[in-house]
């Protein structure tokens, strides 16, 4: 099983980025998917999650509601995190994760990517 994130980079405050997570080696449509992030010196934290059937259920960390949107394409085994109105406090390594149960805890997810750096700075 492989999960590979892309789309990270340096962006100014107020800017936008779209992260992608490409997967292989799993039956994509069976899995709930999530994004977590980890800032330097901090624990990894939940950002957003989406149920196996796409629009069925989504969860967001309170501080990203209205700014981040999670989506998936079960036909192409891909997930995205669209981020707008980015803030310096969004600076982190972002990880995608897949698991058979939907939730906001890391323990819900069995498979993880290597992460992509997002830096929000002027």
N, C-alpha and C. Protein backbone atom coordinates (compact mmCIF):
# COMPACT_ATOMS: atom_id res chain seq x y z
N UNK A 1 0.86 -1.20 0.00
CA UNK A 1 0.00 0.00 0.00
C UNK A 1 0.89 1.24 0.00
N UNK A 2 0.56 2.17 -0.88
CA UNK A 2 1.30 3.44 -0.93
C UNK A 2 0.34 4.61 -0.97
N UNK A 3 0.66 5.63 -0.19
CA UNK A 3 -0.05 6.91 -0.26
C UNK A 3 1.02 7.96 -0.51
N UNK A 4 0.82 8.77 -1.52
CA UNK A 4 1.82 9.77 -1.89
C UNK A 4 1.16 11.14 -1.98
N UNK A 5 1.62 12.05 -1.11
CA UNK A 5 1.09 13.41 -1.11
C UNK A 5 1.87 14.28 -2.08
N UNK A 6 1.20 15.29 -2.60
CA UNK A 6 1.85 16.30 -3.43
C UNK A 6 1.09 17.60 -3.31
N UNK A 7 1.70 18.68 -3.81
CA UNK A 7 1.02 19.96 -3.85
C UNK A 7 1.43 20.94 -2.77
N UNK A 8 2.30 20.51 -1.86
CA UNK A 8 2.75 21.44 -0.83
C UNK A 8 3.68 22.49 -1.40
N UNK A 9 4.02 23.48 -0.56
CA UNK A 9 4.92 24.52 -1.00
C UNK A 9 4.84 25.73 -0.11
N UNK A 10 5.43 26.81 -0.58
CA UNK A 10 5.45 28.09 0.14
C UNK A 10 4.37 28.99 -0.44
N UNK A 11 3.56 29.56 0.44
CA UNK A 11 2.47 30.43 0.01
C UNK A 11 2.36 31.59 0.99
N UNK A 12 1.95 32.73 0.50
CA UNK A 12 1.77 33.89 1.36
C UNK A 12 0.48 33.76 2.17
N UNK A 13 0.42 34.41 3.32
CA UNK A 13 -0.85 34.42 4.07
C UNK A 13 -1.99 34.91 3.19
N UNK A 14 -3.12 34.24 3.32
CA UNK A 14 -4.27 34.55 2.48
C UNK A 14 -4.30 33.78 1.17
N UNK A 15 -3.23 33.08 0.88
CA UNK A 15 -3.14 32.33 -0.37
C UNK A 15 -3.83 30.97 -0.29
N UNK A 16 -3.70 30.22 -1.38
CA UNK A 16 -4.37 28.92 -1.50
C UNK A 16 -3.39 27.86 -1.97
N UNK A 17 -3.68 26.64 -1.58
CA UNK A 17 -2.95 25.48 -2.07
C UNK A 17 -3.93 24.32 -2.18
N UNK A 18 -3.61 23.39 -3.08
CA UNK A 18 -4.41 22.18 -3.19
C UNK A 18 -3.47 20.98 -3.03
N UNK A 19 -3.67 20.23 -1.98
CA UNK A 19 -2.88 19.03 -1.75
C UNK A 19 -3.59 17.84 -2.38
N UNK A 20 -2.81 16.93 -2.93
CA UNK A 20 -3.34 15.70 -3.50
C UNK A 20 -2.73 14.50 -2.79
N UNK A 21 -3.47 13.41 -2.77
CA UNK A 21 -2.99 12.15 -2.21
C UNK A 21 -3.34 11.05 -3.19
N UNK A 22 -2.34 10.49 -3.81
CA UNK A 22 -2.53 9.38 -4.73
C UNK A 22 -2.26 8.07 -4.01
N UNK A 23 -3.11 7.08 -4.25
CA UNK A 23 -2.97 5.82 -3.53
C UNK A 23 -2.80 4.65 -4.50
N UNK A 24 -2.22 3.59 -4.00
CA UNK A 24 -2.12 2.35 -4.76
C UNK A 24 -2.03 1.20 -3.77
N UNK A 25 -2.45 0.03 -4.24
CA UNK A 25 -2.33 -1.16 -3.41
C UNK A 25 -3.47 -1.38 -2.45
N UNK A 26 -4.53 -0.58 -2.52
CA UNK A 26 -5.68 -0.83 -1.68
C UNK A 26 -6.94 -0.61 -2.49
N UNK A 27 -8.04 -1.18 -1.99
CA UNK A 27 -9.35 -0.97 -2.64
C UNK A 27 -9.87 0.37 -2.16
N UNK A 28 -9.54 1.39 -2.91
CA UNK A 28 -9.69 2.78 -2.49
C UNK A 28 -11.09 3.08 -1.97
N UNK A 29 -12.10 2.61 -2.67
CA UNK A 29 -13.48 2.97 -2.33
C UNK A 29 -13.94 2.34 -1.02
N UNK A 30 -13.17 1.42 -0.46
CA UNK A 30 -13.53 0.82 0.83
C UNK A 30 -13.06 1.63 2.02
N UNK A 31 -12.19 2.62 1.76
CA UNK A 31 -11.47 3.29 2.83
C UNK A 31 -11.97 4.70 3.11
N UNK A 32 -12.07 5.01 4.40
CA UNK A 32 -12.17 6.40 4.81
C UNK A 32 -10.79 7.03 4.66
N UNK A 33 -10.77 8.32 4.39
CA UNK A 33 -9.52 9.03 4.15
C UNK A 33 -9.45 10.27 5.01
N UNK A 34 -8.24 10.67 5.33
CA UNK A 34 -8.08 11.82 6.21
C UNK A 34 -6.78 12.56 5.92
N UNK A 35 -6.74 13.79 6.38
CA UNK A 35 -5.52 14.59 6.39
C UNK A 35 -5.20 14.93 7.85
N UNK A 36 -3.94 14.77 8.19
CA UNK A 36 -3.40 15.20 9.47
C UNK A 36 -2.24 16.14 9.18
N UNK A 37 -1.80 16.86 10.20
CA UNK A 37 -0.65 17.73 10.01
C UNK A 37 0.18 17.78 11.29
N UNK A 38 1.44 18.09 11.10
CA UNK A 38 2.34 18.18 12.24
C UNK A 38 3.28 19.36 12.05
N UNK A 39 3.20 20.30 12.97
CA UNK A 39 4.08 21.46 12.98
C UNK A 39 5.33 21.14 13.79
N UNK A 40 6.42 21.84 13.54
CA UNK A 40 7.66 21.59 14.30
C UNK A 40 7.43 21.70 15.81
N UNK A 41 7.87 20.69 16.53
CA UNK A 41 7.76 20.71 17.98
C UNK A 41 6.38 20.40 18.52
N UNK A 42 5.45 20.04 17.63
CA UNK A 42 4.08 19.76 18.07
C UNK A 42 3.68 18.34 17.67
N UNK A 43 2.63 17.85 18.31
CA UNK A 43 2.11 16.54 17.96
C UNK A 43 1.31 16.64 16.66
N UNK A 44 1.23 15.50 15.99
CA UNK A 44 0.41 15.46 14.79
C UNK A 44 -1.05 15.64 15.17
N UNK A 45 -1.79 16.39 14.35
CA UNK A 45 -3.18 16.68 14.67
C UNK A 45 -4.09 16.43 13.47
N UNK A 46 -5.32 16.14 13.76
CA UNK A 46 -6.33 15.91 12.74
C UNK A 46 -6.67 17.21 12.01
N UNK A 47 -6.90 17.10 10.71
CA UNK A 47 -7.32 18.26 9.92
C UNK A 47 -8.69 18.03 9.29
N UNK A 48 -8.85 16.94 8.56
CA UNK A 48 -10.11 16.69 7.85
C UNK A 48 -10.20 15.20 7.51
N UNK A 49 -11.43 14.73 7.36
CA UNK A 49 -11.65 13.33 6.99
C UNK A 49 -12.90 13.23 6.14
N UNK A 50 -12.95 12.17 5.32
CA UNK A 50 -14.08 11.96 4.43
C UNK A 50 -14.40 10.48 4.40
N UNK A 51 -15.68 10.16 4.38
CA UNK A 51 -16.11 8.76 4.38
C UNK A 51 -15.83 8.09 3.05
N UNK A 52 -16.01 6.79 3.02
CA UNK A 52 -15.67 6.00 1.84
C UNK A 52 -16.47 6.43 0.61
N UNK A 53 -17.68 6.92 0.83
CA UNK A 53 -18.56 7.22 -0.30
C UNK A 53 -18.54 8.71 -0.66
N UNK A 54 -17.46 9.39 -0.31
CA UNK A 54 -17.29 10.76 -0.79
C UNK A 54 -18.11 11.76 -0.02
N UNK A 55 -19.24 12.14 -0.54
CA UNK A 55 -20.01 13.21 0.09
C UNK A 55 -20.82 12.79 1.29
N UNK A 56 -20.74 11.51 1.68
CA UNK A 56 -21.57 11.04 2.78
C UNK A 56 -21.30 11.78 4.08
N UNK A 57 -20.07 11.75 4.55
CA UNK A 57 -19.72 12.37 5.83
C UNK A 57 -18.33 12.98 5.73
N UNK A 58 -18.21 14.19 6.24
CA UNK A 58 -16.89 14.83 6.34
C UNK A 58 -16.75 15.42 7.73
N UNK A 59 -15.52 15.46 8.19
CA UNK A 59 -15.19 16.09 9.47
C UNK A 59 -14.05 17.07 9.25
N UNK A 60 -14.06 18.14 10.01
CA UNK A 60 -13.00 19.14 9.93
C UNK A 60 -12.59 19.59 11.32
N UNK A 61 -11.32 19.89 11.45
CA UNK A 61 -10.83 20.59 12.64
C UNK A 61 -11.49 21.96 12.66
N UNK A 62 -11.87 22.41 13.83
CA UNK A 62 -12.63 23.67 13.93
C UNK A 62 -11.91 24.83 13.26
N UNK A 63 -10.60 24.89 13.43
CA UNK A 63 -9.87 26.06 12.93
C UNK A 63 -9.74 26.10 11.41
N UNK A 64 -10.10 25.02 10.72
CA UNK A 64 -10.01 25.03 9.26
C UNK A 64 -11.38 25.04 8.59
N UNK A 65 -12.44 24.93 9.37
CA UNK A 65 -13.79 24.94 8.79
C UNK A 65 -14.02 26.24 8.02
N UNK A 66 -14.58 26.08 6.82
CA UNK A 66 -14.82 27.23 5.98
C UNK A 66 -13.63 27.63 5.13
N UNK A 67 -12.45 27.08 5.44
CA UNK A 67 -11.25 27.40 4.66
C UNK A 67 -10.70 26.18 3.91
N UNK A 68 -10.87 25.02 4.46
CA UNK A 68 -10.36 23.78 3.85
C UNK A 68 -11.54 22.93 3.38
N UNK A 69 -11.33 22.21 2.30
CA UNK A 69 -12.35 21.29 1.81
C UNK A 69 -11.68 19.99 1.37
N UNK A 70 -12.19 18.88 1.87
CA UNK A 70 -11.66 17.57 1.51
C UNK A 70 -12.58 16.95 0.47
N UNK A 71 -12.00 16.26 -0.50
CA UNK A 71 -12.79 15.61 -1.54
C UNK A 71 -12.04 14.38 -2.03
N UNK A 72 -12.76 13.49 -2.69
CA UNK A 72 -12.15 12.27 -3.19
C UNK A 72 -12.74 11.89 -4.54
N UNK A 73 -11.97 11.15 -5.31
CA UNK A 73 -12.40 10.64 -6.60
C UNK A 73 -12.17 9.14 -6.58
N UNK A 74 -13.22 8.39 -6.34
CA UNK A 74 -13.06 6.94 -6.22
C UNK A 74 -12.72 6.27 -7.55
N UNK A 75 -12.99 6.95 -8.65
CA UNK A 75 -12.66 6.38 -9.96
C UNK A 75 -11.16 6.44 -10.24
N UNK A 76 -10.47 7.39 -9.59
CA UNK A 76 -9.04 7.58 -9.86
C UNK A 76 -8.17 7.40 -8.62
N UNK A 77 -8.77 6.88 -7.54
CA UNK A 77 -8.01 6.56 -6.32
C UNK A 77 -7.24 7.76 -5.80
N UNK A 78 -7.88 8.91 -5.79
CA UNK A 78 -7.20 10.15 -5.41
C UNK A 78 -8.05 10.94 -4.44
N UNK A 79 -7.36 11.64 -3.57
CA UNK A 79 -8.04 12.51 -2.60
C UNK A 79 -7.37 13.89 -2.66
N UNK A 80 -8.12 14.93 -2.31
CA UNK A 80 -7.57 16.29 -2.31
C UNK A 80 -7.90 17.00 -1.01
N UNK A 81 -7.11 18.02 -0.72
CA UNK A 81 -7.44 18.97 0.33
C UNK A 81 -7.24 20.36 -0.26
N UNK A 82 -8.34 21.03 -0.53
CA UNK A 82 -8.28 22.39 -1.04
C UNK A 82 -8.21 23.34 0.15
N UNK A 83 -7.19 24.18 0.16
CA UNK A 83 -6.98 25.09 1.28
C UNK A 83 -6.98 26.53 0.77
N UNK A 84 -7.81 27.37 1.36
CA UNK A 84 -7.84 28.78 1.01
C UNK A 84 -7.63 29.60 2.28
N UNK A 85 -7.42 30.90 2.08
CA UNK A 85 -7.23 31.81 3.22
C UNK A 85 -6.22 31.26 4.21
N UNK A 86 -5.10 30.79 3.70
CA UNK A 86 -4.10 30.16 4.56
C UNK A 86 -3.49 31.15 5.53
N UNK A 87 -3.17 30.63 6.70
CA UNK A 87 -2.60 31.44 7.79
C UNK A 87 -1.23 30.86 8.17
N UNK A 88 -0.38 31.68 8.75
CA UNK A 88 0.93 31.15 9.19
C UNK A 88 0.80 29.94 10.11
N UNK A 89 -0.24 29.89 10.90
CA UNK A 89 -0.43 28.76 11.82
C UNK A 89 -0.82 27.47 11.10
N UNK A 90 -1.10 27.55 9.82
CA UNK A 90 -1.35 26.34 9.02
C UNK A 90 -0.05 25.68 8.57
N UNK A 91 1.08 26.33 8.81
CA UNK A 91 2.37 25.76 8.43
C UNK A 91 2.62 24.44 9.14
N UNK A 92 2.81 23.39 8.36
CA UNK A 92 2.98 22.05 8.91
C UNK A 92 3.40 21.11 7.79
N UNK A 93 3.79 19.92 8.17
CA UNK A 93 3.84 18.81 7.23
C UNK A 93 2.46 18.16 7.23
N UNK A 94 1.88 18.02 6.05
CA UNK A 94 0.55 17.45 5.91
C UNK A 94 0.65 16.00 5.44
N UNK A 95 -0.09 15.12 6.12
CA UNK A 95 -0.07 13.71 5.83
C UNK A 95 -1.47 13.24 5.41
N UNK A 96 -1.53 12.39 4.39
CA UNK A 96 -2.80 11.73 4.11
C UNK A 96 -2.78 10.34 4.73
N UNK A 97 -3.98 9.86 5.04
CA UNK A 97 -4.11 8.58 5.73
C UNK A 97 -5.36 7.87 5.25
N UNK A 98 -5.34 6.55 5.30
CA UNK A 98 -6.47 5.72 4.89
C UNK A 98 -6.75 4.67 5.96
N UNK A 99 -8.04 4.45 6.22
CA UNK A 99 -8.43 3.46 7.20
C UNK A 99 -9.82 2.93 6.93
N UNK A 100 -10.16 1.84 7.55
CA UNK A 100 -11.46 1.22 7.30
C UNK A 100 -12.56 1.81 8.16
N UNK A 101 -12.21 2.68 9.11
CA UNK A 101 -13.23 3.36 9.90
C UNK A 101 -12.95 4.86 9.90
N UNK A 102 -13.99 5.64 9.83
CA UNK A 102 -13.89 7.09 9.76
C UNK A 102 -13.79 7.67 11.16
N UNK A 103 -12.86 8.56 11.35
CA UNK A 103 -12.75 9.20 12.66
C UNK A 103 -11.71 10.29 12.65
N UNK A 104 -11.49 10.88 13.83
CA UNK A 104 -10.56 11.99 13.95
C UNK A 104 -9.29 11.61 14.72
N UNK A 105 -9.18 10.36 15.07
CA UNK A 105 -7.98 9.90 15.79
C UNK A 105 -7.06 9.15 14.85
N UNK A 106 -5.78 9.24 15.08
CA UNK A 106 -4.81 8.53 14.25
C UNK A 106 -5.06 7.04 14.25
N UNK A 107 -5.58 6.53 15.34
CA UNK A 107 -5.80 5.08 15.45
C UNK A 107 -6.83 4.55 14.46
N UNK A 108 -7.62 5.43 13.87
CA UNK A 108 -8.59 4.99 12.86
C UNK A 108 -7.93 4.63 11.53
N UNK A 109 -6.67 5.03 11.35
CA UNK A 109 -6.04 4.96 10.03
C UNK A 109 -4.83 4.04 10.06
N UNK A 110 -4.81 3.13 9.08
CA UNK A 110 -3.77 2.10 9.04
C UNK A 110 -2.63 2.44 8.10
N UNK A 111 -2.91 3.28 7.12
CA UNK A 111 -1.92 3.55 6.08
C UNK A 111 -1.68 5.04 5.99
N UNK A 112 -0.41 5.42 5.87
CA UNK A 112 -0.02 6.82 5.90
C UNK A 112 0.96 7.14 4.78
N UNK A 113 0.88 8.38 4.31
CA UNK A 113 1.87 8.86 3.37
C UNK A 113 3.08 9.44 4.10
N UNK A 114 4.04 9.91 3.33
CA UNK A 114 5.27 10.45 3.89
C UNK A 114 5.17 11.93 4.24
N UNK A 115 4.15 12.59 3.74
CA UNK A 115 3.94 13.98 4.09
C UNK A 115 4.42 14.96 3.04
N UNK A 116 3.81 16.13 3.02
CA UNK A 116 4.23 17.22 2.15
C UNK A 116 4.23 18.51 2.96
N UNK A 117 5.26 19.31 2.79
CA UNK A 117 5.44 20.52 3.59
C UNK A 117 4.59 21.65 3.04
N UNK A 118 3.86 22.29 3.93
CA UNK A 118 3.13 23.53 3.60
C UNK A 118 3.68 24.62 4.50
N UNK A 119 4.16 25.69 3.89
CA UNK A 119 4.70 26.81 4.64
C UNK A 119 3.94 28.08 4.23
N UNK A 120 3.35 28.73 5.22
CA UNK A 120 2.60 29.95 4.98
C UNK A 120 3.38 31.11 5.60
N UNK A 121 3.95 31.92 4.75
CA UNK A 121 4.82 32.99 5.23
C UNK A 121 4.93 34.09 4.20
N UNK A 122 5.08 35.31 4.67
CA UNK A 122 5.30 36.43 3.77
C UNK A 122 6.79 36.68 3.57
